[in-house]
PDB file of N, CA and C in Angstrom:
ATOM      1  N   MET A   1      22.621   7.297 -25.969  1.00  0.00           N
ATOM      2  CA  MET A   1      21.990   8.255 -24.907  1.00  0.00           C
ATOM      3  C   MET A   1      22.291   9.620 -25.446  1.00  0.00           C
ATOM      4  N   LEU A   2      23.456   9.922 -26.094  1.00  0.00           N
ATOM      5  CA  LEU A   2      23.729  11.136 -26.633  1.00  0.00           C
ATOM      6  C   LEU A   2      22.758  11.642 -27.588  1.00  0.00           C
ATOM      7  N   ASP A   3      22.400  10.857 -28.594  1.00  0.00           N
ATOM      8  CA  ASP A   3      21.317  11.044 -29.524  1.00  0.00           C
ATOM      9  C   ASP A   3      20.142  11.296 -28.747  1.00  0.00           C
ATOM     10  N   LEU A   4      19.673  10.594 -27.808  1.00  0.00           N
ATOM     11  CA  LEU A   4      18.417  11.014 -27.301  1.00  0.00           C
ATOM     12  C   LEU A   4      18.381  12.296 -26.310  1.00  0.00           C
ATOM     13  N   SER A   5      19.580  12.534 -25.844  1.00  0.00           N
ATOM     14  CA  SER A   5      19.731  13.777 -25.152  1.00  0.00           C
ATOM     15  C   SER A   5      19.560  14.988 -25.851  1.00  0.00           C
ATOM     16  N   GLU A   6      19.574  14.918 -27.056  1.00  0.00           N
ATOM     17  CA  GLU A   6      19.238  16.125 -28.108  1.00  0.00           C
ATOM     18  C   GLU A   6      17.763  16.386 -28.348  1.00  0.00           C
ATOM     19  N   ALA A   7      16.918  15.429 -28.008  1.00  0.00           N
ATOM     20  CA  ALA A   7      15.486  15.592 -28.118  1.00  0.00           C
ATOM     21  C   ALA A   7      14.895  16.524 -27.110  1.00  0.00           C
ATOM     22  N   GLY A   8      14.087  17.498 -27.668  1.00  0.00           N
ATOM     23  CA  GLY A   8      13.582  18.489 -26.711  1.00  0.00           C
ATOM     24  C   GLY A   8      12.929  18.097 -25.591  1.00  0.00           C
ATOM     25  N   HIS A   9      12.276  17.047 -25.494  1.00  0.00           N
ATOM     26  CA  HIS A   9      11.335  16.317 -24.273  1.00  0.00           C
ATOM     27  C   HIS A   9      12.130  15.523 -23.340  1.00  0.00           C
ATOM     28  N   ILE A  10      13.534  15.333 -23.599  1.00  0.00           N
ATOM     29  CA  ILE A  10      14.193  14.421 -22.658  1.00  0.00           C
ATOM     30  C   ILE A  10      15.587  15.299 -22.116  1.00  0.00           C
ATOM     31  N   THR A  11      15.724  15.250 -20.860  1.00  0.00           N
ATOM     32  CA  THR A  11      16.889  15.853 -20.343  1.00  0.00           C
ATOM     33  C   THR A  11      17.995  14.950 -19.528  1.00  0.00           C
ATOM     34  N   VAL A  12      19.127  14.857 -19.847  1.00  0.00           N
ATOM     35  CA  VAL A  12      20.176  13.908 -19.301  1.00  0.00           C
ATOM     36  C   VAL A  12      20.950  14.721 -18.457  1.00  0.00           C
ATOM     37  N   ARG A  13      20.963  14.385 -17.174  1.00  0.00           N
ATOM     38  CA  ARG A  13      21.911  15.047 -16.198  1.00  0.00           C
ATOM     39  C   ARG A  13      22.785  13.938 -15.456  1.00  0.00           C
ATOM     40  N   VAL A  14      23.959  14.186 -15.399  1.00  0.00           N
ATOM     41  CA  VAL A  14      24.976  13.302 -14.907  1.00  0.00           C
ATOM     42  C   VAL A  14      25.539  13.765 -13.573  1.00  0.00           C
ATOM     43  N   ILE A  15      25.421  12.913 -12.667  1.00  0.00           N
ATOM     44  CA  ILE A  15      25.939  13.112 -11.232  1.00  0.00           C
ATOM     45  C   ILE A  15      27.385  12.584 -11.421  1.00  0.00           C
ATOM     46  N   PRO A  16      28.482  13.509 -11.206  1.00  0.00           N
ATOM     47  CA  PRO A  16      29.782  13.158 -11.363  1.00  0.00           C
ATOM     48  C   PRO A  16      30.056  12.025 -10.316  1.00  0.00           C
ATOM     49  N   PHE A  17      31.057  11.067 -10.793  1.00  0.00           N
ATOM     50  CA  PHE A  17      31.418   9.920  -9.691  1.00  0.00           C
ATOM     51  C   PHE A  17      32.195  10.595  -8.473  1.00  0.00           C
ATOM     52  N   THR A  18      32.789  11.907  -8.464  1.00  0.00           N
ATOM     53  CA  THR A  18      33.502  12.363  -7.234  1.00  0.00           C
ATOM     54  C   THR A  18      32.580  12.934  -6.284  1.00  0.00           C
ATOM     55  N   LEU A  19      31.174  13.076  -6.748  1.00  0.00           N
ATOM     56  CA  LEU A  19      30.092  13.569  -5.700  1.00  0.00           C
ATOM     57  C   LEU A  19      29.680  12.521  -4.697  1.00  0.00           C
ATOM     58  N   GLU A  20      29.983  12.668  -3.318  1.00  0.00           N
ATOM     59  CA  GLU A  20      29.811  11.630  -2.287  1.00  0.00           C
ATOM     60  C   GLU A  20      28.430  11.603  -1.962  1.00  0.00           C
ATOM     61  N   ARG A  21      27.586  12.805  -2.153  1.00  0.00           N
ATOM     62  CA  ARG A  21      26.321  12.768  -1.585  1.00  0.00           C
ATOM     63  C   ARG A  21      25.404  11.674  -2.139  1.00  0.00           C
ATOM     64  N   PHE A  22      25.690  11.347  -3.248  1.00  0.00           N
ATOM     65  CA  PHE A  22      24.877  10.199  -4.038  1.00  0.00           C
ATOM     66  C   PHE A  22      25.475   8.813  -4.081  1.00  0.00           C
ATOM     67  N   ASP A  23      26.667   8.632  -3.418  1.00  0.00           N
ATOM     68  CA  ASP A  23      27.413   7.515  -3.689  1.00  0.00           C
ATOM     69  C   ASP A  23      26.649   6.110  -3.191  1.00  0.00           C
ATOM     70  N   ASP A  24      25.700   6.144  -2.349  1.00  0.00           N
ATOM     71  CA  ASP A  24      25.177   5.028  -1.824  1.00  0.00           C
ATOM     72  C   ASP A  24      23.708   4.659  -2.579  1.00  0.00           C
ATOM     73  N   THR A  25      23.469   5.484  -3.589  1.00  0.00           N
ATOM     74  CA  THR A  25      22.278   5.326  -4.285  1.00  0.00           C
ATOM     75  C   THR A  25      22.603   4.126  -4.954  1.00  0.00           C
ATOM     76  N   GLY A  26      21.706   2.921  -4.855  1.00  0.00           N
ATOM     77  CA  GLY A  26      21.755   1.723  -5.423  1.00  0.00           C
ATOM     78  C   GLY A  26      21.048   1.153  -6.589  1.00  0.00           C
ATOM     79  N   SER A  27      20.116   2.118  -6.896  1.00  0.00           N
ATOM     80  CA  SER A  27      19.378   1.724  -8.002  1.00  0.00           C
ATOM     81  C   SER A  27      18.985   2.899  -8.919  1.00  0.00           C
ATOM     82  N   ALA A  28      18.667   2.648 -10.045  1.00  0.00           N
ATOM     83  CA  ALA A  28      18.312   3.689 -11.266  1.00  0.00           C
ATOM     84  C   ALA A  28      16.878   4.182 -10.844  1.00  0.00           C
ATOM     85  N   MET A  29      16.607   5.351 -11.299  1.00  0.00           N
ATOM     86  CA  MET A  29      15.262   5.983 -11.006  1.00  0.00           C
ATOM     87  C   MET A  29      14.984   6.797 -12.114  1.00  0.00           C
ATOM     88  N   ILE A  30      13.690   6.817 -12.548  1.00  0.00           N
ATOM     89  CA  ILE A  30      13.280   7.575 -13.731  1.00  0.00           C
ATOM     90  C   ILE A  30      12.010   8.388 -13.146  1.00  0.00           C
ATOM     91  N   TYR A  31      11.849   9.768 -13.342  1.00  0.00           N
ATOM     92  CA  TYR A  31      10.679  10.530 -12.729  1.00  0.00           C
ATOM     93  C   TYR A  31      10.174  10.903 -14.113  1.00  0.00           C
ATOM     94  N   ALA A  32       8.849  10.432 -14.510  1.00  0.00           N
ATOM     95  CA  ALA A  32       8.171  10.696 -15.543  1.00  0.00           C
ATOM     96  C   ALA A  32       7.121  11.626 -15.115  1.00  0.00           C
ATOM     97  N   GLY A  33       7.233  13.059 -15.426  1.00  0.00           N
ATOM     98  CA  GLY A  33       6.191  13.884 -15.126  1.00  0.00           C
ATOM     99  C   GLY A  33       5.870  14.757 -16.290  1.00  0.00           C
ATOM    100  N   GLY A  34       4.605  15.417 -16.041  1.00  0.00           N
ATOM    101  CA  GLY A  34       4.044  16.232 -17.111  1.00  0.00           C
ATOM    102  C   GLY A  34       3.253  17.397 -16.537  1.00  0.00           C
ATOM    103  N   GLY A  35       2.445  17.889 -17.506  1.00  0.00           N
ATOM    104  CA  GLY A  35       1.367  19.090 -17.074  1.00  0.00           C
ATOM    105  C   GLY A  35       0.392  18.801 -15.853  1.00  0.00           C
ATOM    106  N   ILE A  36       0.102  17.521 -15.595  1.00  0.00           N
ATOM    107  CA  ILE A  36      -0.882  17.307 -14.537  1.00  0.00           C
ATOM    108  C   ILE A  36      -0.014  16.459 -13.372  1.00  0.00           C
ATOM    109  N   PRO A  37       0.519  17.075 -12.236  1.00  0.00           N
ATOM    110  CA  PRO A  37       1.541  16.455 -11.407  1.00  0.00           C
ATOM    111  C   PRO A  37       0.820  15.161 -10.885  1.00  0.00           C
ATOM    112  N   ARG A  38      -0.500  15.037 -10.579  1.00  0.00           N
ATOM    113  CA  ARG A  38      -0.844  13.821 -10.034  1.00  0.00           C
ATOM    114  C   ARG A  38      -0.854  12.729 -10.907  1.00  0.00           C
ATOM    115  N   LEU A  39      -0.489  12.822 -12.181  1.00  0.00           N
ATOM    116  CA  LEU A  39      -0.248  11.655 -13.156  1.00  0.00           C
ATOM    117  C   LEU A  39       1.275  11.207 -13.243  1.00  0.00           C
ATOM    118  N   ASP A  40       2.008  12.091 -12.423  1.00  0.00           N
ATOM    119  CA  ASP A  40       3.487  11.752 -12.350  1.00  0.00           C
ATOM    120  C   ASP A  40       3.624  10.329 -11.989  1.00  0.00           C
ATOM    121  N   THR A  41       4.740   9.716 -12.471  1.00  0.00           N
ATOM    122  CA  THR A  41       5.091   8.393 -12.111  1.00  0.00           C
ATOM    123  C   THR A  41       6.534   8.258 -11.881  1.00  0.00           C
ATOM    124  N   VAL A  42       7.068   7.444 -10.887  1.00  0.00           N
ATOM    125  CA  VAL A  42       8.528   7.259 -10.780  1.00  0.00           C
ATOM    126  C   VAL A  42       8.700   5.632 -11.116  1.00  0.00           C
ATOM    127  N   VAL A  43       9.644   5.426 -11.758  1.00  0.00           N
ATOM    128  CA  VAL A  43      10.127   4.037 -12.188  1.00  0.00           C
ATOM    129  C   VAL A  43      11.426   3.843 -11.505  1.00  0.00           C
ATOM    130  N   ARG A  44      11.387   2.863 -10.492  1.00  0.00           N
ATOM    131  CA  ARG A  44      12.707   2.518  -9.850  1.00  0.00           C
ATOM    132  C   ARG A  44      12.996   1.051  -9.885  1.00  0.00           C
ATOM    133  N   ASP A  45      14.283   0.909 -10.190  1.00  0.00           N
ATOM    134  CA  ASP A  45      14.678  -0.418 -10.262  1.00  0.00           C
ATOM    135  C   ASP A  45      14.969  -0.907  -8.623  1.00  0.00           C
ATOM    136  N   ALA A  46      14.605  -1.986  -8.181  1.00  0.00           N
ATOM    137  CA  ALA A  46      14.786  -2.338  -6.740  1.00  0.00           C
ATOM    138  C   ALA A  46      15.296  -3.977  -6.869  1.00  0.00           C
ATOM    139  N   PRO A  47      15.864  -4.358  -5.829  1.00  0.00           N
ATOM    140  CA  PRO A  47      16.475  -5.735  -5.765  1.00  0.00           C
ATOM    141  C   PRO A  47      15.400  -6.626  -6.041  1.00  0.00           C
ATOM    142  N   HIS A  48      14.124  -6.511  -5.864  1.00  0.00           N
ATOM    143  CA  HIS A  48      13.112  -7.514  -6.005  1.00  0.00           C
ATOM    144  C   HIS A  48      12.334  -7.045  -7.430  1.00  0.00           C
ATOM    145  N   GLY A  49      12.858  -6.294  -8.161  1.00  0.00           N
ATOM    146  CA  GLY A  49      12.358  -6.162  -9.621  1.00  0.00           C
ATOM    147  C   GLY A  49      11.968  -4.390  -9.745  1.00  0.00           C
ATOM    148  N   THR A  50      11.262  -4.103 -10.852  1.00  0.00           N
ATOM    149  CA  THR A  50      10.949  -2.739 -11.328  1.00  0.00           C
ATOM    150  C   THR A  50       9.777  -2.376 -10.459  1.00  0.00           C
ATOM    151  N   VAL A  51       9.701  -1.118  -9.802  1.00  0.00           N
ATOM    152  CA  VAL A  51       8.525  -0.622  -9.095  1.00  0.00           C
ATOM    153  C   VAL A  51       8.070   0.448  -9.832  1.00  0.00           C
ATOM    154  N   PHE A  52       6.851   0.608  -9.941  1.00  0.00           N
ATOM    155  CA  PHE A  52       6.275   1.924 -10.460  1.00  0.00           C
ATOM    156  C   PHE A  52       5.497   2.579  -9.190  1.00  0.00           C
ATOM    157  N   ILE A  53       5.864   3.908  -8.977  1.00  0.00           N
ATOM    158  CA  ILE A  53       5.360   4.670  -7.749  1.00  0.00           C
ATOM    159  C   ILE A  53       4.523   5.920  -8.271  1.00  0.00           C
ATOM    160  N   ASP A  54       3.309   5.741  -7.912  1.00  0.00           N
ATOM    161  CA  ASP A  54       2.477   6.876  -8.278  1.00  0.00           C
ATOM    162  C   ASP A  54       1.523   7.473  -7.124  1.00  0.00           C
ATOM    163  N   ALA A  55       1.723   7.073  -5.910  1.00  0.00           N
ATOM    164  CA  ALA A  55       0.953   7.332  -4.748  1.00  0.00           C
ATOM    165  C   ALA A  55       1.486   8.944  -4.418  1.00  0.00           C
ATOM    166  N   GLU A  56       0.714   9.798  -4.208  1.00  0.00           N
ATOM    167  CA  GLU A  56       0.918  11.352  -3.956  1.00  0.00           C
ATOM    168  C   GLU A  56       2.183  11.346  -2.963  1.00  0.00           C
ATOM    169  N   ALA A  57       1.955  10.809  -1.610  1.00  0.00           N
ATOM    170  CA  ALA A  57       2.930  10.863  -0.642  1.00  0.00           C
ATOM    171  C   ALA A  57       4.369  10.498  -1.297  1.00  0.00           C
ATOM    172  N   GLN A  58       4.410   9.386  -1.809  1.00  0.00           N
ATOM    173  CA  GLN A  58       5.631   8.700  -2.370  1.00  0.00           C
ATOM    174  C   GLN A  58       6.241   9.644  -3.462  1.00  0.00           C
ATOM    175  N   LEU A  59       5.341  10.270  -4.283  1.00  0.00           N
ATOM    176  CA  LEU A  59       5.867  11.162  -5.299  1.00  0.00           C
ATOM    177  C   LEU A  59       6.472  12.390  -4.541  1.00  0.00           C
ATOM    178  N   GLY A  60       5.916  12.723  -3.615  1.00  0.00           N
ATOM    179  CA  GLY A  60       6.303  14.045  -2.860  1.00  0.00           C
ATOM    180  C   GLY A  60       7.940  13.746  -2.453  1.00  0.00           C
ATOM    181  N   VAL A  61       8.198  12.507  -2.023  1.00  0.00           N
ATOM    182  CA  VAL A  61       9.618  12.201  -1.573  1.00  0.00           C
ATOM    183  C   VAL A  61      10.436  12.142  -2.782  1.00  0.00           C
ATOM    184  N   PHE A  62       9.874  11.712  -3.950  1.00  0.00           N
ATOM    185  CA  PHE A  62      10.778  11.565  -5.105  1.00  0.00           C
ATOM    186  C   PHE A  62      10.971  12.870  -5.897  1.00  0.00           C
ATOM    187  N   ARG A  63      10.101  13.801  -5.698  1.00  0.00           N
ATOM    188  CA  ARG A  63      10.167  15.181  -6.183  1.00  0.00           C
ATOM    189  C   ARG A  63      11.456  15.772  -5.511  1.00  0.00           C
ATOM    190  N   THR A  64      11.317  15.789  -4.063  1.00  0.00           N
ATOM    191  CA  THR A  64      12.427  16.308  -3.343  1.00  0.00           C
ATOM    192  C   THR A  64      13.737  15.830  -3.614  1.00  0.00           C
ATOM    193  N   LEU A  65      13.769  14.436  -3.820  1.00  0.00           N
ATOM    194  CA  LEU A  65      15.049  13.892  -4.153  1.00  0.00           C
ATOM    195  C   LEU A  65      15.495  14.205  -5.495  1.00  0.00           C
ATOM    196  N   PHE A  66      14.587  14.208  -6.343  1.00  0.00           N
ATOM    197  CA  PHE A  66      15.024  14.774  -7.722  1.00  0.00           C
ATOM    198  C   PHE A  66      15.472  16.132  -7.903  1.00  0.00           C
ATOM    199  N   ARG A  67      14.768  17.090  -6.852  1.00  0.00           N
ATOM    200  CA  ARG A  67      15.240  18.392  -6.900  1.00  0.00           C
ATOM    201  C   ARG A  67      16.691  18.459  -6.438  1.00  0.00           C
ATOM    202  N   ARG A  68      17.005  17.679  -5.560  1.00  0.00           N
ATOM    203  CA  ARG A  68      18.483  17.409  -4.821  1.00  0.00           C
ATOM    204  C   ARG A  68      19.419  17.007  -6.063  1.00  0.00           C
ATOM    205  N   VAL A  69      18.966  15.995  -6.708  1.00  0.00           N
ATOM    206  CA  VAL A  69      19.956  15.481  -7.857  1.00  0.00           C
ATOM    207  C   VAL A  69      20.109  16.438  -8.820  1.00  0.00           C
ATOM    208  N   GLU A  70      19.044  17.229  -9.357  1.00  0.00           N
ATOM    209  CA  GLU A  70      19.124  18.152 -10.248  1.00  0.00           C
ATOM    210  C   GLU A  70      20.087  19.236  -9.898  1.00  0.00           C
ATOM    211  N   ALA A  71      19.832  19.807  -8.449  1.00  0.00           N
ATOM    212  CA  ALA A  71      20.953  20.948  -8.187  1.00  0.00           C
ATOM    213  C   ALA A  71      22.300  20.504  -8.012  1.00  0.00           C
ATOM    214  N   SER A  72      22.397  19.091  -7.771  1.00  0.00           N
ATOM    215  CA  SER A  72      23.924  18.554  -7.631  1.00  0.00           C
ATOM    216  C   SER A  72      24.485  18.415  -8.895  1.00  0.00           C
ATOM    217  N   SER A  73      23.689  17.940  -9.961  1.00  0.00           N
ATOM    218  CA  SER A  73      24.291  17.301 -11.017  1.00  0.00           C
ATOM    219  C   SER A  73      24.800  18.374 -12.232  1.00  0.00           C
ATOM    220  N   LEU A  74      25.705  17.847 -13.060  1.00  0.00           N
ATOM    221  CA  LEU A  74      25.930  18.894 -14.158  1.00  0.00           C
ATOM    222  C   LEU A  74      24.942  19.136 -15.002  1.00  0.00           C
ATOM    223  N   ASP A  75      25.007  20.324 -15.708  1.00  0.00           N
ATOM    224  CA  ASP A  75      23.857  20.843 -16.465  1.00  0.00           C
ATOM    225  C   ASP A  75      23.684  19.935 -17.701  1.00  0.00           C
ATOM    226  N   PRO A  76      22.921  19.799 -18.447  1.00  0.00           N
ATOM    227  CA  PRO A  76      22.734  18.998 -19.577  1.00  0.00           C
ATOM    228  C   PRO A  76      23.889  19.235 -20.717  1.00  0.00           C
ATOM    229  N   GLU A  77      24.193  20.237 -21.013  1.00  0.00           N
ATOM    230  CA  GLU A  77      25.431  20.417 -21.820  1.00  0.00           C
ATOM    231  C   GLU A  77      26.867  19.681 -21.281  1.00  0.00           C
ATOM    232  N   GLN A  78      27.133  19.980 -20.003  1.00  0.00           N
ATOM    233  CA  GLN A  78      28.066  19.312 -19.413  1.00  0.00           C
ATOM    234  C   GLN A  78      28.109  17.771 -19.241  1.00  0.00           C
ATOM    235  N   SER A  79      26.745  17.464 -18.920  1.00  0.00           N
ATOM    236  CA  SER A  79      26.507  15.959 -18.803  1.00  0.00           C
ATOM    237  C   SER A  79      26.778  15.300 -20.211  1.00  0.00           C
ATOM    238  N   ARG A  80      26.336  15.922 -21.481  1.00  0.00           N
ATOM    239  CA  ARG A  80      26.607  15.580 -22.629  1.00  0.00           C
ATOM    240  C   ARG A  80      28.123  15.267 -23.001  1.00  0.00           C
ATOM    241  N   ASP A  81      28.942  16.271 -22.651  1.00  0.00           N
ATOM    242  CA  ASP A  81      30.240  16.438 -22.781  1.00  0.00           C
ATOM    243  C   ASP A  81      30.920  15.073 -21.988  1.00  0.00           C
ATOM    244  N   LEU A  82      30.589  15.042 -20.813  1.00  0.00           N
ATOM    245  CA  LEU A  82      31.230  13.977 -20.010  1.00  0.00           C
ATOM    246  C   LEU A  82      30.767  12.487 -20.557  1.00  0.00           C
ATOM    247  N   ILE A  83      29.557  12.322 -20.777  1.00  0.00           N
ATOM    248  CA  ILE A  83      29.081  11.080 -21.578  1.00  0.00           C
ATOM    249  C   ILE A  83      29.889  10.841 -22.771  1.00  0.00           C
ATOM    250  N   HIS A  84      30.154  11.868 -23.653  1.00  0.00           N
ATOM    251  CA  HIS A  84      31.034  11.892 -24.851  1.00  0.00           C
ATOM    252  C   HIS A  84      32.357  11.484 -24.379  1.00  0.00           C
ATOM    253  N   ASN A  85      33.086  12.084 -23.606  1.00  0.00           N
ATOM    254  CA  ASN A  85      34.320  11.758 -23.277  1.00  0.00           C
ATOM    255  C   ASN A  85      34.659  10.448 -22.697  1.00  0.00           C
ATOM    256  N   LEU A  86      33.553   9.852 -22.005  1.00  0.00           N
ATOM    257  CA  LEU A  86      33.748   8.524 -21.252  1.00  0.00           C
ATOM    258  C   LEU A  86      33.510   7.576 -22.418  1.00  0.00           C
ATOM    259  N   ALA A  87      32.653   7.895 -23.419  1.00  0.00           N
ATOM    260  CA  ALA A  87      32.576   6.793 -24.388  1.00  0.00           C
ATOM    261  C   ALA A  87      33.675   6.748 -25.407  1.00  0.00           C
ATOM    262  N   LYS A  88      34.439   7.895 -25.480  1.00  0.00           N
ATOM    263  CA  LYS A  88      35.677   7.841 -26.224  1.00  0.00           C
ATOM    264  C   LYS A  88      36.765   6.962 -25.575  1.00  0.00           C
ATOM    265  N   GLU A  89      36.751   7.071 -24.306  1.00  0.00           N
ATOM    266  CA  GLU A  89      37.705   6.294 -23.495  1.00  0.00           C
ATOM    267  C   GLU A  89      37.419   4.890 -23.559  1.00  0.00           C
ATOM    268  N   LEU A  90      36.308   4.381 -23.877  1.00  0.00           N
ATOM    269  CA  LEU A  90      35.843   2.990 -23.872  1.00  0.00           C
ATOM    270  C   LEU A  90      36.532   2.424 -25.362  1.00  0.00           C
TER     271      LEU A  90
END
């Protein structure tokens, strides 16, 4: 993950364990976006399997969620530092 985070087209941001606003998020989400927003896709792990979301109304919900996550998360450099420190502890 640390190596991939150095790529210019990938951003890794970590939500600290101590942040309670997201402690009930029970699944992983990936927001794949680009220059044409209507082609954006969310990939979300759900209890019944992986779900791909591309409907505009649903994307609006996830865009809002991802803006909240981005505002609350560590910046990319701090995120890499935290991942590096956690990896050393293992």
